[in-house]
C-alpha cells in the first residue's frame, strides 16, 4: 500500500467517525442523556473529519443553530481542502520514505 492509500483510508475512517458521532450526539440530545463535548466534535473535524462532521450536522439537523458550528465546521473543511490543493500544486515534492 502506498502513502496516498493510507491517507485516503485514514480520511475515510475519520470522516465516518465524525458522521457517526454527530448522529450519536443528536440521539443523546433527544433523550437528554450524556452528550459528546463540543470540543470533541471540533477535534474530530480538525484531525481530518471535517467533511463527516459537516455532513452529519446537516443530515441530523444537529448543532445548526450554533453559529460556531454552522460556520466553523464548513470553514475547517474549506481550509483543509485549500491546504491539499496548495500542497498538490506546490513545486516541492513531498515523499515519505
PDB file of N, CA and C in Angstrom:
ATOM      1  N   UNK A   1       0.846  -1.187   0.000  1.00  0.00           N
ATOM      2  CA  UNK A   1       0.000   0.000   0.000  1.00  0.00           C
ATOM      3  C   UNK A   1       0.887   1.245   0.000  1.00  0.00           C
ATOM      4  N   UNK A   2       0.553   2.210  -0.835  1.00  0.00           N
ATOM      5  CA  UNK A   2       1.350   3.425  -0.874  1.00  0.00           C
ATOM      6  C   UNK A   2       0.798   4.463   0.106  1.00  0.00           C
ATOM      7  N   UNK A   3       1.514   5.554   0.237  1.00  0.00           N
ATOM      8  CA  UNK A   3       1.171   6.597   1.213  1.00  0.00           C
ATOM      9  C   UNK A   3      -0.207   7.192   0.936  1.00  0.00           C
ATOM     10  N   UNK A   4      -0.531   7.435  -0.317  1.00  0.00           N
ATOM     11  CA  UNK A   4      -1.829   8.018  -0.670  1.00  0.00           C
ATOM     12  C   UNK A   4      -2.968   7.111  -0.214  1.00  0.00           C
ATOM     13  N   UNK A   5      -2.783   5.810  -0.369  1.00  0.00           N
ATOM     14  CA  UNK A   5      -3.813   4.864   0.064  1.00  0.00           C
ATOM     15  C   UNK A   5      -4.022   4.930   1.571  1.00  0.00           C
ATOM     16  N   UNK A   6      -2.926   5.042   2.321  1.00  0.00           N
ATOM     17  CA  UNK A   6      -3.037   5.170   3.779  1.00  0.00           C
ATOM     18  C   UNK A   6      -3.764   6.452   4.169  1.00  0.00           C
ATOM     19  N   UNK A   7      -3.416   7.535   3.508  1.00  0.00           N
ATOM     20  CA  UNK A   7      -4.049   8.827   3.811  1.00  0.00           C
ATOM     21  C   UNK A   7      -5.540   8.783   3.488  1.00  0.00           C
ATOM     22  N   UNK A   8      -5.886   8.245   2.327  1.00  0.00           N
ATOM     23  CA  UNK A   8      -7.299   8.158   1.948  1.00  0.00           C
ATOM     24  C   UNK A   8      -8.076   7.236   2.886  1.00  0.00           C
ATOM     25  N   UNK A   9      -7.445   6.139   3.308  1.00  0.00           N
ATOM     26  CA  UNK A   9      -8.091   5.238   4.267  1.00  0.00           C
ATOM     27  C   UNK A   9      -8.334   5.959   5.595  1.00  0.00           C
ATOM     28  N   UNK A  10      -7.322   6.682   6.068  1.00  0.00           N
ATOM     29  CA  UNK A  10      -7.456   7.440   7.312  1.00  0.00           C
ATOM     30  C   UNK A  10      -8.596   8.455   7.202  1.00  0.00           C
ATOM     31  N   UNK A  11      -8.620   9.203   6.115  1.00  0.00           N
ATOM     32  CA  UNK A  11      -9.662  10.216   5.941  1.00  0.00           C
ATOM     33  C   UNK A  11     -11.047   9.593   5.863  1.00  0.00           C
ATOM     34  N   UNK A  12     -11.154   8.446   5.208  1.00  0.00           N
ATOM     35  CA  UNK A  12     -12.438   7.759   5.146  1.00  0.00           C
ATOM     36  C   UNK A  12     -12.915   7.345   6.530  1.00  0.00           C
ATOM     37  N   UNK A  13     -12.019   6.777   7.315  1.00  0.00           N
ATOM     38  CA  UNK A  13     -12.377   6.318   8.666  1.00  0.00           C
ATOM     39  C   UNK A  13     -12.714   7.497   9.570  1.00  0.00           C
ATOM     40  N   UNK A  14     -11.889   8.539   9.582  1.00  0.00           N
ATOM     41  CA  UNK A  14     -12.110   9.666  10.496  1.00  0.00           C
ATOM     42  C   UNK A  14     -13.372  10.442  10.118  1.00  0.00           C
ATOM     43  N   UNK A  15     -13.689  10.518   8.834  1.00  0.00           N
ATOM     44  CA  UNK A  15     -14.923  11.187   8.427  1.00  0.00           C
ATOM     45  C   UNK A  15     -16.146  10.354   8.778  1.00  0.00           C
ATOM     46  N   UNK A  16     -16.043   9.035   8.665  1.00  0.00           N
ATOM     47  CA  UNK A  16     -17.131   8.153   9.082  1.00  0.00           C
ATOM     48  C   UNK A  16     -17.363   8.290  10.586  1.00  0.00           C
ATOM     49  N   UNK A  17     -16.269   8.349  11.354  1.00  0.00           N
ATOM     50  CA  UNK A  17     -16.378   8.534  12.805  1.00  0.00           C
ATOM     51  C   UNK A  17     -17.055   9.864  13.113  1.00  0.00           C
ATOM     52  N   UNK A  18     -16.665  10.928  12.412  1.00  0.00           N
ATOM     53  CA  UNK A  18     -17.285  12.242  12.625  1.00  0.00           C
ATOM     54  C   UNK A  18     -18.775  12.226  12.352  1.00  0.00           C
ATOM     55  N   UNK A  19     -19.176  11.566  11.280  1.00  0.00           N
ATOM     56  CA  UNK A  19     -20.588  11.448  10.933  1.00  0.00           C
ATOM     57  C   UNK A  19     -21.342  10.681  12.018  1.00  0.00           C
ATOM     58  N   UNK A  20     -20.796   9.563  12.440  1.00  0.00           N
ATOM     59  CA  UNK A  20     -21.445   8.736  13.463  1.00  0.00           C
ATOM     60  C   UNK A  20     -21.539   9.474  14.798  1.00  0.00           C
ATOM     61  N   UNK A  21     -20.490  10.173  15.177  1.00  0.00           N
ATOM     62  CA  UNK A  21     -20.511  10.898  16.458  1.00  0.00           C
ATOM     63  C   UNK A  21     -21.564  11.999  16.446  1.00  0.00           C
ATOM     64  N   UNK A  22     -21.729  12.671  15.321  1.00  0.00           N
ATOM     65  CA  UNK A  22     -22.789  13.687  15.236  1.00  0.00           C
ATOM     66  C   UNK A  22     -24.160  13.039  15.403  1.00  0.00           C
ATOM     67  N   UNK A  23     -24.356  11.876  14.796  1.00  0.00           N
ATOM     68  CA  UNK A  23     -25.625  11.164  14.940  1.00  0.00           C
ATOM     69  C   UNK A  23     -25.870  10.695  16.357  1.00  0.00           C
ATOM     70  N   UNK A  24     -24.830  10.173  16.995  1.00  0.00           N
ATOM     71  CA  UNK A  24     -24.953   9.721  18.388  1.00  0.00           C
ATOM     72  C   UNK A  24     -25.284  10.893  19.296  1.00  0.00           C
ATOM     73  N   UNK A  25     -24.608  12.020  19.099  1.00  0.00           N
ATOM     74  CA  UNK A  25     -24.863  13.186  19.941  1.00  0.00           C
ATOM     75  C   UNK A  25     -26.288  13.701  19.751  1.00  0.00           C
ATOM     76  N   UNK A  26     -26.792  13.637  18.530  1.00  0.00           N
ATOM     77  CA  UNK A  26     -28.174  14.054  18.273  1.00  0.00           C
ATOM     78  C   UNK A  26     -29.155  13.147  19.019  1.00  0.00           C
ATOM     79  N   UNK A  27     -28.926  11.832  18.964  1.00  0.00           N
ATOM     80  CA  UNK A  27     -29.798  10.900  19.696  1.00  0.00           C
ATOM     81  C   UNK A  27     -29.756  11.151  21.200  1.00  0.00           C
ATOM     82  N   UNK A  28     -28.562  11.393  21.718  1.00  0.00           N
ATOM     83  CA  UNK A  28     -28.423  11.662  23.146  1.00  0.00           C
ATOM     84  C   UNK A  28     -29.081  12.984  23.524  1.00  0.00           C
ATOM     85  N   UNK A  29     -29.052  13.954  22.630  1.00  0.00           N
ATOM     86  CA  UNK A  29     -29.706  15.241  22.902  1.00  0.00           C
ATOM     87  C   UNK A  29     -31.218  15.046  23.004  1.00  0.00           C
ATOM     88  N   UNK A  30     -31.777  14.221  22.130  1.00  0.00           N
ATOM     89  CA  UNK A  30     -33.224  13.958  22.178  1.00  0.00           C
ATOM     90  C   UNK A  30     -33.624  13.256  23.470  1.00  0.00           C
ATOM     91  N   UNK A  31     -32.740  12.380  23.982  1.00  0.00           N
ATOM     92  CA  UNK A  31     -33.038  11.625  25.200  1.00  0.00           C
ATOM     93  C   UNK A  31     -32.597  12.348  26.463  1.00  0.00           C
ATOM     94  N   UNK A  32     -32.030  13.536  26.287  1.00  0.00           N
ATOM     95  CA  UNK A  32     -31.495  14.321  27.395  1.00  0.00           C
ATOM     96  C   UNK A  32     -30.490  13.511  28.221  1.00  0.00           C
ATOM     97  N   UNK A  33     -29.650  12.773  27.503  1.00  0.00           N
ATOM     98  CA  UNK A  33     -28.624  11.938  28.126  1.00  0.00           C
ATOM     99  C   UNK A  33     -27.272  12.648  28.062  1.00  0.00           C
ATOM    100  N   UNK A  34     -26.226  11.962  28.562  1.00  0.00           N
ATOM    101  CA  UNK A  34     -24.868  12.490  28.497  1.00  0.00           C
ATOM    102  C   UNK A  34     -24.534  12.798  27.049  1.00  0.00           C
ATOM    103  N   UNK A  35     -23.874  13.927  26.817  1.00  0.00           N
ATOM    104  CA  UNK A  35     -23.597  14.398  25.466  1.00  0.00           C
ATOM    105  C   UNK A  35     -22.114  14.338  25.150  1.00  0.00           C
ATOM    106  N   UNK A  36     -21.828  14.297  23.876  1.00  0.00           N
ATOM    107  CA  UNK A  36     -20.447  14.381  23.406  1.00  0.00           C
ATOM    108  C   UNK A  36     -20.022  15.848  23.539  1.00  0.00           C
ATOM    109  N   UNK A  37     -18.872  16.108  24.183  1.00  0.00           N
ATOM    110  CA  UNK A  37     -18.432  17.510  24.313  1.00  0.00           C
ATOM    111  C   UNK A  37     -18.217  18.160  22.946  1.00  0.00           C
ATOM    112  N   UNK A  38     -18.562  19.441  22.859  1.00  0.00           N
ATOM    113  CA  UNK A  38     -18.386  20.165  21.600  1.00  0.00           C
ATOM    114  C   UNK A  38     -16.924  20.190  21.182  1.00  0.00           C
ATOM    115  N   UNK A  39     -16.025  20.240  22.155  1.00  0.00           N
ATOM    116  CA  UNK A  39     -14.600  20.240  21.821  1.00  0.00           C
ATOM    117  C   UNK A  39     -14.205  18.951  21.103  1.00  0.00           C
ATOM    118  N   UNK A  40     -14.813  17.838  21.474  1.00  0.00           N
ATOM    119  CA  UNK A  40     -14.531  16.569  20.805  1.00  0.00           C
ATOM    120  C   UNK A  40     -14.963  16.625  19.349  1.00  0.00           C
ATOM    121  N   UNK A  41     -16.117  17.208  19.094  1.00  0.00           N
ATOM    122  CA  UNK A  41     -16.601  17.334  17.720  1.00  0.00           C
ATOM    123  C   UNK A  41     -15.642  18.182  16.881  1.00  0.00           C
ATOM    124  N   UNK A  42     -15.127  19.251  17.475  1.00  0.00           N
ATOM    125  CA  UNK A  42     -14.182  20.093  16.741  1.00  0.00           C
ATOM    126  C   UNK A  42     -12.831  19.408  16.561  1.00  0.00           C
ATOM    127  N   UNK A  43     -12.389  18.637  17.540  1.00  0.00           N
ATOM    128  CA  UNK A  43     -11.125  17.907  17.396  1.00  0.00           C
ATOM    129  C   UNK A  43     -11.225  16.908  16.249  1.00  0.00           C
ATOM    130  N   UNK A  44     -12.343  16.186  16.183  1.00  0.00           N
ATOM    131  CA  UNK A  44     -12.557  15.248  15.081  1.00  0.00           C
ATOM    132  C   UNK A  44     -12.475  15.988  13.741  1.00  0.00           C
ATOM    133  N   UNK A  45     -13.086  17.162  13.674  1.00  0.00           N
ATOM    134  CA  UNK A  45     -13.042  17.954  12.436  1.00  0.00           C
ATOM    135  C   UNK A  45     -11.613  18.391  12.116  1.00  0.00           C
ATOM    136  N   UNK A  46     -10.874  18.864  13.114  1.00  0.00           N
ATOM    137  CA  UNK A  46      -9.512  19.359  12.889  1.00  0.00           C
ATOM    138  C   UNK A  46      -8.563  18.268  12.431  1.00  0.00           C
ATOM    139  N   UNK A  47      -8.760  17.032  12.909  1.00  0.00           N
ATOM    140  CA  UNK A  47      -7.822  15.967  12.539  1.00  0.00           C
ATOM    141  C   UNK A  47      -8.212  15.268  11.242  1.00  0.00           C
ATOM    142  N   UNK A  48      -9.123  15.866  10.495  1.00  0.00           N
ATOM    143  CA  UNK A  48      -9.436  15.357   9.169  1.00  0.00           C
ATOM    144  C   UNK A  48     -10.877  14.947   8.954  1.00  0.00           C
ATOM    145  N   UNK A  49     -11.706  15.016   9.989  1.00  0.00           N
ATOM    146  CA  UNK A  49     -13.091  14.579   9.867  1.00  0.00           C
ATOM    147  C   UNK A  49     -14.080  15.693   9.607  1.00  0.00           C
ATOM    148  N   UNK A  50     -13.622  16.777   9.027  1.00  0.00           N
ATOM    149  CA  UNK A  50     -14.500  17.933   8.830  1.00  0.00           C
ATOM    150  C   UNK A  50     -15.634  17.651   7.842  1.00  0.00           C
ATOM    151  N   UNK A  51     -15.380  16.855   6.838  1.00  0.00           N
ATOM    152  CA  UNK A  51     -16.448  16.531   5.880  1.00  0.00           C
ATOM    153  C   UNK A  51     -17.539  15.704   6.563  1.00  0.00           C
ATOM    154  N   UNK A  52     -17.143  14.699   7.324  1.00  0.00           N
ATOM    155  CA  UNK A  52     -18.106  13.857   8.023  1.00  0.00           C
ATOM    156  C   UNK A  52     -18.914  14.607   9.062  1.00  0.00           C
ATOM    157  N   UNK A  53     -18.257  15.477   9.839  1.00  0.00           N
ATOM    158  CA  UNK A  53     -18.989  16.231  10.859  1.00  0.00           C
ATOM    159  C   UNK A  53     -19.915  17.264  10.222  1.00  0.00           C
ATOM    160  N   UNK A  54     -19.484  17.861   9.118  1.00  0.00           N
ATOM    161  CA  UNK A  54     -20.334  18.832   8.434  1.00  0.00           C
ATOM    162  C   UNK A  54     -21.553  18.149   7.824  1.00  0.00           C
ATOM    163  N   UNK A  55     -21.339  17.020   7.164  1.00  0.00           N
ATOM    164  CA  UNK A  55     -22.470  16.268   6.610  1.00  0.00           C
ATOM    165  C   UNK A  55     -23.398  15.825   7.732  1.00  0.00           C
ATOM    166  N   UNK A  56     -22.834  15.312   8.818  1.00  0.00           N
ATOM    167  CA  UNK A  56     -23.638  14.875   9.958  1.00  0.00           C
ATOM    168  C   UNK A  56     -24.430  16.007  10.584  1.00  0.00           C
ATOM    169  N   UNK A  57     -23.831  17.176  10.641  1.00  0.00           N
ATOM    170  CA  UNK A  57     -24.501  18.333  11.219  1.00  0.00           C
ATOM    171  C   UNK A  57     -25.775  18.664  10.442  1.00  0.00           C
ATOM    172  N   UNK A  58     -25.693  18.667   9.128  1.00  0.00           N
ATOM    173  CA  UNK A  58     -26.868  18.997   8.325  1.00  0.00           C
ATOM    174  C   UNK A  58     -27.802  17.800   8.135  1.00  0.00           C
ATOM    175  N   UNK A  59     -27.252  16.607   8.039  1.00  0.00           N
ATOM    176  CA  UNK A  59     -28.067  15.407   7.873  1.00  0.00           C
ATOM    177  C   UNK A  59     -28.966  15.170   9.088  1.00  0.00           C
ATOM    178  N   UNK A  60     -28.386  15.313  10.279  1.00  0.00           N
ATOM    179  CA  UNK A  60     -29.138  15.088  11.516  1.00  0.00           C
ATOM    180  C   UNK A  60     -29.754  16.370  12.077  1.00  0.00           C
ATOM    181  N   UNK A  61     -29.561  17.484  11.385  1.00  0.00           N
ATOM    182  CA  UNK A  61     -30.016  18.800  11.858  1.00  0.00           C
ATOM    183  C   UNK A  61     -29.568  19.023  13.297  1.00  0.00           C
ATOM    184  N   UNK A  62     -28.263  18.858  13.484  1.00  0.00           N
ATOM    185  CA  UNK A  62     -27.692  18.923  14.825  1.00  0.00           C
ATOM    186  C   UNK A  62     -26.650  20.028  14.895  1.00  0.00           C
ATOM    187  N   UNK A  63     -26.767  20.875  15.884  1.00  0.00           N
ATOM    188  CA  UNK A  63     -25.844  21.986  16.138  1.00  0.00           C
ATOM    189  C   UNK A  63     -25.920  23.072  15.071  1.00  0.00           C
ATOM    190  N   UNK A  64     -26.952  23.075  14.261  1.00  0.00           N
ATOM    191  CA  UNK A  64     -27.042  24.061  13.187  1.00  0.00           C
ATOM    192  C   UNK A  64     -27.456  25.438  13.689  1.00  0.00           C
ATOM    193  N   UNK A  65     -27.953  25.526  14.916  1.00  0.00           N
ATOM    194  CA  UNK A  65     -28.323  26.840  15.465  1.00  0.00           C
ATOM    195  C   UNK A  65     -27.141  27.545  16.122  1.00  0.00           C
ATOM    196  N   UNK A  66     -26.053  26.807  16.332  1.00  0.00           N
ATOM    197  CA  UNK A  66     -24.850  27.399  16.919  1.00  0.00           C
ATOM    198  C   UNK A  66     -23.986  27.961  15.797  1.00  0.00           C
ATOM    199  N   UNK A  67     -23.751  29.274  15.826  1.00  0.00           N
ATOM    200  CA  UNK A  67     -23.012  29.903  14.737  1.00  0.00           C
ATOM    201  C   UNK A  67     -21.614  29.316  14.582  1.00  0.00           C
ATOM    202  N   UNK A  68     -20.981  28.949  15.704  1.00  0.00           N
ATOM    203  CA  UNK A  68     -19.616  28.438  15.616  1.00  0.00           C
ATOM    204  C   UNK A  68     -19.577  27.045  14.988  1.00  0.00           C
ATOM    205  N   UNK A  69     -20.686  26.316  14.983  1.00  0.00           N
ATOM    206  CA  UNK A  69     -20.757  25.060  14.242  1.00  0.00           C
ATOM    207  C   UNK A  69     -21.190  25.314  12.804  1.00  0.00           C
ATOM    208  N   UNK A  70     -22.197  26.137  12.648  1.00  0.00           N
ATOM    209  CA  UNK A  70     -22.752  26.389  11.307  1.00  0.00           C
ATOM    210  C   UNK A  70     -21.693  26.976  10.369  1.00  0.00           C
ATOM    211  N   UNK A  71     -20.830  27.830  10.897  1.00  0.00           N
ATOM    212  CA  UNK A  71     -19.787  28.433  10.067  1.00  0.00           C
ATOM    213  C   UNK A  71     -18.419  27.792  10.302  1.00  0.00           C
ATOM    214  N   UNK A  72     -18.185  27.297  11.507  1.00  0.00           N
ATOM    215  CA  UNK A  72     -16.881  26.733  11.860  1.00  0.00           C
ATOM    216  C   UNK A  72     -16.554  25.441  11.147  1.00  0.00           C
ATOM    217  N   UNK A  73     -17.489  24.496  11.152  1.00  0.00           N
ATOM    218  CA  UNK A  73     -17.234  23.205  10.501  1.00  0.00           C
ATOM    219  C   UNK A  73     -16.979  23.357   8.997  1.00  0.00           C
ATOM    220  N   UNK A  74     -17.831  24.086   8.266  1.00  0.00           N
ATOM    221  CA  UNK A  74     -17.520  24.287   6.836  1.00  0.00           C
ATOM    222  C   UNK A  74     -16.213  25.065   6.623  1.00  0.00           C
ATOM    223  N   UNK A  75     -15.897  25.997   7.520  1.00  0.00           N
ATOM    224  CA  UNK A  75     -14.650  26.756   7.387  1.00  0.00           C
ATOM    225  C   UNK A  75     -13.444  25.836   7.551  1.00  0.00           C
ATOM    226  N   UNK A  76     -13.503  24.918   8.511  1.00  0.00           N
ATOM    227  CA  UNK A  76     -12.415  23.955   8.690  1.00  0.00           C
ATOM    228  C   UNK A  76     -12.265  23.113   7.431  1.00  0.00           C
ATOM    229  N   UNK A  77     -13.378  22.674   6.874  1.00  0.00           N
ATOM    230  CA  UNK A  77     -13.358  21.872   5.649  1.00  0.00           C
ATOM    231  C   UNK A  77     -12.724  22.652   4.494  1.00  0.00           C
ATOM    232  N   UNK A  78     -13.108  23.898   4.328  1.00  0.00           N
ATOM    233  CA  UNK A  78     -12.557  24.724   3.247  1.00  0.00           C
ATOM    234  C   UNK A  78     -11.055  24.923   3.420  1.00  0.00           C
ATOM    235  N   UNK A  79     -10.614  25.176   4.645  1.00  0.00           N
ATOM    236  CA  UNK A  79      -9.177  25.343   4.909  1.00  0.00           C
ATOM    237  C   UNK A  79      -8.430  24.050   4.604  1.00  0.00           C
ATOM    238  N   UNK A  80      -8.986  22.910   5.009  1.00  0.00           N
ATOM    239  CA  UNK A  80      -8.320  21.636   4.739  1.00  0.00           C
ATOM    240  C   UNK A  80      -8.248  21.346   3.244  1.00  0.00           C
ATOM    241  N   UNK A  81      -9.297  21.645   2.511  1.00  0.00           N
ATOM    242  CA  UNK A  81      -9.271  21.465   1.053  1.00  0.00           C
ATOM    243  C   UNK A  81      -8.234  22.393   0.424  1.00  0.00           C
ATOM    244  N   UNK A  82      -8.173  23.636   0.896  1.00  0.00           N
ATOM    245  CA  UNK A  82      -7.198  24.594   0.366  1.00  0.00           C
ATOM    246  C   UNK A  82      -5.763  24.116   0.621  1.00  0.00           C
ATOM    247  N   UNK A  83      -5.516  23.561   1.797  1.00  0.00           N
ATOM    248  CA  UNK A  83      -4.174  23.047   2.110  1.00  0.00           C
ATOM    249  C   UNK A  83      -3.806  21.910   1.159  1.00  0.00           C
ATOM    250  N   UNK A  84      -4.738  21.011   0.906  1.00  0.00           N
ATOM    251  CA  UNK A  84      -4.476  19.891  -0.007  1.00  0.00           C
ATOM    252  C   UNK A  84      -4.191  20.413  -1.410  1.00  0.00           C
ATOM    253  N   UNK A  85      -4.988  21.363  -1.884  1.00  0.00           N
ATOM    254  CA  UNK A  85      -4.780  21.918  -3.230  1.00  0.00           C
ATOM    255  C   UNK A  85      -3.425  22.620  -3.320  1.00  0.00           C
ATOM    256  N   UNK A  86      -3.082  23.376  -2.299  1.00  0.00           N
ATOM    257  CA  UNK A  86      -1.786  24.073  -2.292  1.00  0.00           C
ATOM    258  C   UNK A  86      -0.638  23.072  -2.302  1.00  0.00           C
ATOM    259  N   UNK A  87      -0.737  22.031  -1.484  1.00  0.00           N
ATOM    260  CA  UNK A  87       0.330  21.033  -1.437  1.00  0.00           C
ATOM    261  C   UNK A  87       0.437  20.258  -2.748  1.00  0.00           C
ATOM    262  N   UNK A  88      -0.697  19.976  -3.374  1.00  0.00           N
ATOM    263  CA  UNK A  88      -0.669  19.236  -4.633  1.00  0.00           C
ATOM    264  C   UNK A  88      -0.062  20.068  -5.767  1.00  0.00           C
ATOM    265  N   UNK A  89      -0.239  21.372  -5.698  1.00  0.00           N
ATOM    266  CA  UNK A  89       0.284  22.264  -6.751  1.00  0.00           C
ATOM    267  C   UNK A  89       1.623  22.873  -6.392  1.00  0.00           C
ATOM    268  N   UNK A  90       2.180  22.469  -5.274  1.00  0.00           N
ATOM    269  CA  UNK A  90       3.453  23.003  -4.823  1.00  0.00           C
ATOM    270  C   UNK A  90       4.597  22.453  -5.667  1.00  0.00           C
ATOM    271  N   UNK A  91       5.607  23.296  -5.935  1.00  0.00           N
ATOM    272  CA  UNK A  91       6.761  22.798  -6.698  1.00  0.00           C
ATOM    273  C   UNK A  91       7.637  21.853  -5.852  1.00  0.00           C
ATOM    274  N   UNK A  92       7.407  21.832  -4.563  1.00  0.00           N
ATOM    275  CA  UNK A  92       8.172  20.949  -3.674  1.00  0.00           C
ATOM    276  C   UNK A  92       7.541  19.562  -3.712  1.00  0.00           C
ATOM    277  N   UNK A  93       8.377  18.563  -3.906  1.00  0.00           N
ATOM    278  CA  UNK A  93       7.876  17.186  -3.959  1.00  0.00           C
ATOM    279  C   UNK A  93       7.888  16.609  -2.540  1.00  0.00           C
ATOM    280  N   UNK A  94       6.724  16.151  -2.086  1.00  0.00           N
ATOM    281  CA  UNK A  94       6.595  15.551  -0.766  1.00  0.00           C
ATOM    282  C   UNK A  94       6.615  14.042  -0.908  1.00  0.00           C
ATOM    283  N   UNK A  95       7.519  13.420  -0.213  1.00  0.00           N
ATOM    284  CA  UNK A  95       7.542  11.953  -0.202  1.00  0.00           C
ATOM    285  C   UNK A  95       7.859  11.485   1.207  1.00  0.00           C
ATOM    286  N   UNK A  96       7.300  10.357   1.538  1.00  0.00           N
ATOM    287  CA  UNK A  96       7.531   9.782   2.863  1.00  0.00           C
ATOM    288  C   UNK A  96       8.247   8.457   2.639  1.00  0.00           C
ATOM    289  N   UNK A  97       9.481   8.422   3.052  1.00  0.00           N
ATOM    290  CA  UNK A  97      10.325   7.249   2.861  1.00  0.00           C
ATOM    291  C   UNK A  97      10.132   6.749   1.476  1.00  0.00           C
TER     292      UNK A  97
END
